[in-house]
Amino acid sequence: MLDSFCYNYYLNVNTFGFYKKRVGISFTVNLIGGRYAKRFLKPYRYKSYGSGDSVVRLILLTPFLILSLCMFINVWIFIEELFLGGDWLSYLKVIGWLFLINFLVVNMVPYLSTLVKGKYVYFDREKQKVSFTLDIPHCTERDEFGNCCFDYSEINLRYQRVYTNEYGAMTYAPIISHKDGQKFPKAKITAIVNENGRTPIECLMLFEDIRRFMDKSKPLPESPEYEGFRHLDPVTAEHDKVIGRPASYWSEMSLEQQLEIANKIYEPIYELNEEFPKKPLPEMKEPWKHWKPDGKKGEGEGLKHEILLIAMQLFTAKPM
């Protein structure tokens, strides 16, 4: 495991603007409890990663791909028939039926996701454990959800070159695995990074995000990812109280301002672009002293995004 902090990348742009998860017409997503909900709805305690080569992803995406294609074909023919004076009403009825089918599929996917066991690894900050949702032979310890788990100190974070096509195009993939690969060969996940770059920096930043999250001697990093949950982590709650941190700093910003700050934070990281920098970048602390929230809280974006999500779900059966 790489133990040194070099990039100090802790700002998770994927969570910007999503303090309250939008569900659109997926009324079942919040009704489904069980182990999955208990585990992944505690971002102050768990940080999870899915496998990029999981068959489950393909299974859950198949209805989305098929129904999207059917909708595209019928809408195209409907427009043609409408302008040519043909039997456009028949295709309009088909589109209506596809809307209904998409509505049903969107609400069935959350159930399917609980029935099909995916490949995940999740880090438990509280207990300093790392669990795999895989069948791992010789594993002797189980967590509260019944999954095989190991001490965090037993986990290895590394990356490897991956060839994406027959022409030799190459990218880097982050690997999360057990240090003893001979005894636990199945305790291994190939995670997904935001960018498929030709340098390993995205993988290294992901690893630093994990290491920083699992460091219980420090509060949770300054990131919108933990906004609204910081008080649930004892170390973070005490730290925020001592320094007088604003309780809702990130959520007071518009999405545009958050992205602007993120770009400024990433600039020195990408400029550095070294595997082992001689001088680590400083960690971002007390950002409210540098950037004042514009107070817009994503005004005008909430309803707009909700309408776009509903339209996407009705036309393509996109789950979320």
Protein backbone atom coordinates (compact mmCIF):
# COMPACT_ATOMS: atom_id res chain seq x y z
CA MET A 1 0.00 0.00 0.00
CA LEU A 2 1.27 3.47 -0.82
CA ASP A 3 1.31 5.26 2.53
CA SER A 4 2.47 8.77 1.64
CA PHE A 5 0.01 11.58 0.95
CA CYS A 6 1.18 13.37 -2.17
CA TYR A 7 -1.76 14.92 -3.96
CA ASN A 8 -4.20 15.60 -1.11
CA TYR A 9 -7.18 15.10 -3.40
CA TYR A 10 -10.28 14.94 -1.25
CA LEU A 11 -12.94 16.86 -3.17
CA ASN A 12 -15.46 14.48 -4.68
CA VAL A 13 -17.04 16.24 -7.65
CA ASN A 14 -19.47 13.38 -8.22
CA THR A 15 -21.50 14.49 -5.20
CA PHE A 16 -21.75 18.16 -6.17
CA GLY A 17 -25.35 19.36 -6.15
CA PHE A 18 -26.77 16.06 -4.92
CA TYR A 19 -27.23 16.60 -1.18
CA LYS A 20 -30.68 15.06 -1.59
CA LYS A 21 -30.69 12.24 -4.10
CA ARG A 22 -33.26 12.75 -6.84
CA VAL A 23 -35.36 9.73 -7.77
CA GLY A 24 -37.73 11.03 -10.45
CA ILE A 25 -40.44 8.43 -11.03
CA SER A 26 -38.50 5.68 -9.22
CA PHE A 27 -40.84 5.44 -6.23
CA THR A 28 -39.40 2.12 -5.11
CA VAL A 29 -35.82 3.24 -4.60
CA ASN A 30 -36.50 4.65 -1.12
CA LEU A 31 -38.82 1.82 -0.12
CA ILE A 32 -36.15 -0.84 -0.41
CA GLY A 33 -34.21 -1.24 2.80
CA GLY A 34 -32.11 -4.17 3.83
CA ARG A 35 -28.37 -4.53 3.87
CA TYR A 36 -27.64 -2.43 0.78
CA ALA A 37 -29.43 0.67 2.07
CA LYS A 38 -27.97 0.39 5.57
CA ARG A 39 -24.47 0.07 4.20
CA PHE A 40 -24.30 2.69 1.48
CA LEU A 41 -26.47 5.39 3.03
CA LYS A 42 -23.83 6.06 5.69
CA PRO A 43 -21.15 8.02 3.78
CA TYR A 44 -19.56 9.13 7.07
CA ARG A 45 -18.76 5.49 7.81
CA TYR A 46 -18.59 3.60 4.49
CA LYS A 47 -16.85 4.33 1.21
CA SER A 48 -17.75 1.82 -1.49
CA TYR A 49 -16.50 0.96 -4.96
CA GLY A 50 -18.00 -1.26 -7.62
CA SER A 51 -16.13 -3.50 -9.99
CA GLY A 52 -15.73 -2.23 -13.54
CA ASP A 53 -15.90 -5.76 -14.95
CA SER A 54 -18.99 -6.89 -13.04
CA VAL A 55 -21.60 -8.85 -15.01
CA VAL A 56 -24.27 -7.28 -12.80
CA ARG A 57 -23.72 -3.92 -14.48
CA LEU A 58 -24.52 -5.50 -17.84
CA ILE A 59 -27.61 -7.27 -16.49
CA LEU A 60 -29.06 -4.09 -15.00
CA LEU A 61 -28.21 -2.02 -18.08
CA THR A 62 -29.72 -4.46 -20.61
CA PRO A 63 -33.36 -3.25 -20.21
CA PHE A 64 -32.13 0.35 -20.45
CA LEU A 65 -30.30 -0.34 -23.74
CA ILE A 66 -33.12 -2.34 -25.33
CA LEU A 67 -35.91 0.06 -24.38
CA SER A 68 -33.85 3.10 -25.41
CA LEU A 69 -33.36 1.58 -28.85
CA CYS A 70 -37.08 0.75 -29.18
CA MET A 71 -38.04 4.28 -28.17
CA PHE A 72 -35.58 5.87 -30.60
CA ILE A 73 -36.87 3.77 -33.50
CA ASN A 74 -40.54 4.47 -32.77
CA VAL A 75 -40.03 8.19 -32.23
CA TRP A 76 -38.11 8.40 -35.50
CA ILE A 77 -40.83 6.57 -37.45
CA PHE A 78 -43.54 8.61 -35.70
CA ILE A 79 -41.94 11.87 -36.84
CA GLU A 80 -41.60 10.55 -40.40
CA GLU A 81 -45.20 9.38 -40.54
CA LEU A 82 -46.42 12.66 -39.04
CA PHE A 83 -44.78 14.76 -41.76
CA LEU A 84 -45.63 12.32 -44.56
CA GLY A 85 -49.27 12.02 -43.51
CA GLY A 86 -49.00 8.33 -42.69
CA ASP A 87 -50.37 6.24 -39.84
CA TRP A 88 -48.61 8.24 -37.11
CA LEU A 89 -51.30 7.50 -34.52
CA SER A 90 -50.28 3.81 -34.30
CA TYR A 91 -46.70 4.74 -33.46
CA LEU A 92 -47.89 7.31 -30.93
CA LYS A 93 -49.75 4.50 -29.16
CA VAL A 94 -46.59 2.39 -29.16
CA ILE A 95 -44.65 5.29 -27.62
CA GLY A 96 -47.34 5.56 -24.95
CA TRP A 97 -46.99 1.87 -24.14
CA LEU A 98 -43.20 2.29 -24.00
CA PHE A 99 -43.67 5.11 -21.47
CA LEU A 100 -45.66 2.72 -19.28
CA ILE A 101 -43.12 -0.09 -19.69
CA ASN A 102 -40.24 2.27 -18.87
CA PHE A 103 -42.08 3.43 -15.74
CA LEU A 104 -42.44 -0.19 -14.59
CA VAL A 105 -38.82 -1.05 -15.42
CA VAL A 106 -37.47 2.00 -13.57
CA ASN A 107 -39.32 0.83 -10.45
CA MET A 108 -38.24 -2.80 -10.90
CA VAL A 109 -34.50 -2.11 -11.21
CA PRO A 110 -34.04 -1.34 -7.48
CA TYR A 111 -35.56 -4.76 -6.67
CA LEU A 112 -33.33 -6.47 -9.23
CA SER A 113 -30.26 -4.77 -7.75
CA THR A 114 -31.05 -6.36 -4.37
CA LEU A 115 -31.56 -9.83 -5.88
CA VAL A 116 -28.41 -9.86 -8.00
CA LYS A 117 -25.24 -9.82 -5.95
CA GLY A 118 -22.77 -7.31 -7.34
CA LYS A 119 -19.03 -7.04 -6.95
CA TYR A 120 -18.33 -4.32 -4.39
CA VAL A 121 -15.65 -3.46 -1.90
CA TYR A 122 -16.41 -1.06 0.94
CA PHE A 123 -14.20 0.58 3.53
CA ASP A 124 -15.49 0.89 7.10
CA ARG A 125 -13.95 3.97 8.75
CA GLU A 126 -15.48 3.17 12.13
CA LYS A 127 -14.20 -0.41 12.49
CA GLN A 128 -11.17 -0.07 10.18
CA LYS A 129 -12.34 -3.02 8.11
CA VAL A 130 -12.58 -3.65 4.37
CA SER A 131 -15.34 -5.93 3.08
CA PHE A 132 -15.92 -7.68 -0.24
CA THR A 133 -19.34 -8.74 -1.53
CA LEU A 134 -17.70 -11.78 -3.11
CA ASP A 135 -17.41 -15.42 -2.19
CA ILE A 136 -13.83 -15.57 -0.91
CA PRO A 137 -12.50 -19.01 0.13
CA HIS A 138 -10.55 -19.29 3.40
CA CYS A 139 -12.09 -16.08 4.73
CA THR A 140 -12.76 -16.45 8.47
CA GLU A 141 -14.19 -13.05 9.46
CA ARG A 142 -17.58 -11.63 8.49
CA ASP A 143 -18.99 -8.16 9.00
CA GLU A 144 -22.49 -7.26 10.23
CA PHE A 145 -23.87 -7.75 6.70
CA GLY A 146 -22.45 -11.26 6.35
CA ASN A 147 -19.71 -10.29 3.89
CA CYS A 148 -16.10 -11.36 4.11
CA CYS A 149 -13.96 -8.65 5.70
CA PHE A 150 -10.31 -7.99 6.50
CA ASP A 151 -8.36 -5.48 8.56
CA TYR A 152 -7.59 -2.34 6.61
CA SER A 153 -3.86 -2.98 7.14
CA GLU A 154 -4.19 -6.16 5.06
CA ILE A 155 -5.41 -4.34 1.95
CA ASN A 156 -3.20 -3.39 -0.97
CA LEU A 157 -3.88 -0.41 -3.26
CA ARG A 158 -2.15 -0.52 -6.62
CA TYR A 159 -2.77 0.17 -10.29
CA GLN A 160 -1.99 -1.69 -13.48
CA ARG A 161 -1.88 -1.03 -17.21
CA VAL A 162 -4.94 -2.17 -19.11
CA TYR A 163 -5.13 -2.50 -22.89
CA THR A 164 -8.56 -1.39 -24.08
CA ASN A 165 -8.47 -2.64 -27.71
CA GLU A 166 -6.51 -4.71 -30.19
CA TYR A 167 -4.55 -1.65 -31.36
CA GLY A 168 -2.73 -1.31 -28.06
CA ALA A 169 -4.64 1.63 -26.58
CA MET A 170 -3.70 1.70 -22.91
CA THR A 171 -5.17 3.08 -19.72
CA TYR A 172 -4.61 2.59 -16.00
CA ALA A 173 -6.98 0.79 -13.64
CA PRO A 174 -6.99 0.97 -9.80
CA ILE A 175 -6.79 -2.42 -8.07
CA ILE A 176 -8.04 -2.98 -4.53
CA SER A 177 -6.96 -6.39 -3.24
CA HIS A 178 -5.69 -8.41 -0.29
CA LYS A 179 -1.92 -8.30 0.22
CA ASP A 180 -1.77 -12.09 0.31
CA GLY A 181 -2.86 -12.75 -3.26
CA GLN A 182 -1.96 -16.44 -3.08
CA LYS A 183 -4.24 -17.17 -0.10
CA PHE A 184 -7.05 -14.79 -1.13
CA PRO A 185 -6.87 -14.49 -4.94
CA LYS A 186 -10.58 -13.61 -5.19
CA ALA A 187 -10.29 -10.70 -2.74
CA LYS A 188 -9.74 -8.30 -5.60
CA ILE A 189 -11.71 -5.51 -7.27
CA THR A 190 -10.84 -3.46 -10.34
CA ALA A 191 -12.43 -0.13 -9.48
CA ILE A 192 -13.63 2.63 -11.80
CA VAL A 193 -12.06 6.09 -11.99
CA ASN A 194 -13.57 9.24 -13.46
CA GLU A 195 -11.09 9.44 -16.30
CA ASN A 196 -9.46 6.68 -18.32
CA GLY A 197 -6.17 8.52 -18.63
CA ARG A 198 -2.83 7.49 -20.00
CA THR A 199 -1.19 8.35 -16.68
CA PRO A 200 -1.86 6.72 -13.30
CA ILE A 201 -2.70 9.99 -11.53
CA GLU A 202 -6.45 9.31 -11.38
CA CYS A 203 -5.76 5.97 -9.69
CA LEU A 204 -3.36 7.57 -7.22
CA MET A 205 -5.86 10.28 -6.33
CA LEU A 206 -8.50 7.61 -5.72
CA PHE A 207 -6.13 5.81 -3.35
CA GLU A 208 -5.40 9.01 -1.45
CA ASP A 209 -9.12 9.60 -1.12
CA ILE A 210 -9.42 6.15 0.47
CA ARG A 211 -6.41 6.56 2.77
CA ARG A 212 -7.56 9.96 3.97
CA PHE A 213 -11.09 8.66 4.62
CA MET A 214 -9.75 5.75 6.67
CA ASP A 215 -7.43 7.93 8.78
CA LYS A 216 -9.43 8.18 12.02
CA SER A 217 -6.85 10.48 13.58
CA LYS A 218 -8.19 13.21 11.30
CA PRO A 219 -11.69 14.54 10.66
CA LEU A 220 -13.49 13.72 7.43
CA PRO A 221 -12.06 15.66 4.48
CA GLU A 222 -13.55 18.95 3.37
CA SER A 223 -15.83 17.79 0.58
CA PRO A 224 -19.53 18.05 -0.37
CA GLU A 225 -19.51 14.26 -0.16
CA TYR A 226 -19.80 14.47 3.64
CA GLU A 227 -21.92 17.59 3.97
CA GLY A 228 -24.85 16.90 6.25
CA PHE A 229 -23.12 13.84 7.75
CA ARG A 230 -20.05 15.31 9.42
CA HIS A 231 -21.72 15.51 12.82
CA LEU A 232 -22.26 11.73 12.78
CA ASP A 233 -18.53 11.03 12.88
CA PRO A 234 -17.23 11.72 16.44
CA VAL A 235 -13.75 12.90 15.42
CA THR A 236 -15.17 15.19 12.74
CA ALA A 237 -17.91 16.57 14.97
CA GLU A 238 -15.39 17.55 17.67
CA HIS A 239 -13.02 19.08 15.12
CA ASP A 240 -15.76 21.13 13.45
CA LYS A 241 -16.95 22.38 16.82
CA VAL A 242 -13.47 23.51 17.85
CA ILE A 243 -12.72 25.45 14.65
CA GLY A 244 -16.27 26.78 14.28
CA ARG A 245 -16.91 25.23 10.89
CA PRO A 246 -20.13 26.37 9.16
CA ALA A 247 -22.65 23.52 9.35
CA SER A 248 -23.82 23.83 5.74
CA TYR A 249 -20.89 25.41 3.91
CA TRP A 250 -20.97 23.48 0.64
CA SER A 251 -24.74 23.27 0.41
CA GLU A 252 -24.96 27.08 0.46
CA MET A 253 -23.29 27.18 -2.94
CA SER A 254 -24.67 26.87 -6.43
CA LEU A 255 -23.43 24.01 -8.57
CA GLU A 256 -21.54 26.46 -10.79
CA GLN A 257 -19.55 27.85 -7.86
CA GLN A 258 -18.73 24.39 -6.57
CA LEU A 259 -17.38 23.32 -9.97
CA GLU A 260 -15.35 26.52 -10.23
CA ILE A 261 -13.71 25.77 -6.87
CA ALA A 262 -13.11 22.16 -7.89
CA ASN A 263 -11.29 23.24 -11.05
CA LYS A 264 -9.02 25.51 -9.02
CA ILE A 265 -8.22 22.66 -6.64
CA TYR A 266 -7.45 20.21 -9.43
CA GLU A 267 -5.13 22.54 -11.38
CA PRO A 268 -2.00 22.02 -9.23
CA ILE A 269 -2.73 18.28 -9.01
CA TYR A 270 -2.78 17.80 -12.77
CA GLU A 271 0.15 20.16 -13.26
CA LEU A 272 2.14 18.08 -10.81
CA ASN A 273 1.26 14.80 -12.55
CA GLU A 274 4.03 12.85 -10.87
CA GLU A 275 3.80 9.44 -9.30
CA PHE A 276 5.85 10.35 -6.24
CA PRO A 277 6.15 14.14 -5.82
CA LYS A 278 9.07 15.31 -3.69
CA LYS A 279 6.91 17.90 -1.95
CA PRO A 280 3.29 16.95 -1.14
CA LEU A 281 0.55 19.43 -1.93
CA PRO A 282 -1.05 21.04 1.14
CA GLU A 283 -4.38 19.68 2.30
CA MET A 284 -7.38 21.95 1.79
CA LYS A 285 -8.46 23.31 5.17
CA GLU A 286 -11.12 25.84 6.15
CA PRO A 287 -12.15 26.68 2.56
CA TRP A 288 -14.78 29.14 3.86
CA LYS A 289 -11.92 31.54 4.55
CA HIS A 290 -11.07 31.56 0.84
CA TRP A 291 -14.41 31.12 -0.94
CA LYS A 292 -17.65 32.67 0.26
CA PRO A 293 -20.84 30.80 -0.75
CA ASP A 294 -22.98 32.66 -3.28
CA GLY A 295 -26.10 31.58 -1.36
CA LYS A 296 -27.92 30.36 -4.46
CA LYS A 297 -28.10 26.72 -3.29
CA GLY A 298 -28.62 25.57 -6.85
CA GLU A 299 -31.61 27.88 -7.37
CA GLY A 300 -33.52 26.97 -10.50
CA GLU A 301 -31.57 23.75 -10.87
CA GLY A 302 -33.67 21.52 -8.64
CA LEU A 303 -36.88 21.56 -10.70
CA LYS A 304 -34.95 21.60 -13.97
CA HIS A 305 -32.90 18.53 -13.04
CA GLU A 306 -35.98 16.74 -11.75
CA ILE A 307 -37.85 17.30 -15.04
CA LEU A 308 -34.83 16.16 -17.06
CA LEU A 309 -34.50 13.04 -14.91
CA ILE A 310 -38.19 12.14 -15.32
CA ALA A 311 -37.97 12.68 -19.09
CA MET A 312 -34.87 10.50 -19.25
CA GLN A 313 -36.58 7.75 -17.25
CA LEU A 314 -39.74 7.79 -19.38
CA PHE A 315 -37.85 7.78 -22.69
CA THR A 316 -35.00 5.40 -21.85
CA ALA A 317 -35.85 3.56 -18.58
CA LYS A 318 -32.70 5.01 -17.05
CA PRO A 319 -32.92 3.97 -13.36
CA MET A 320 -31.30 7.07 -11.77
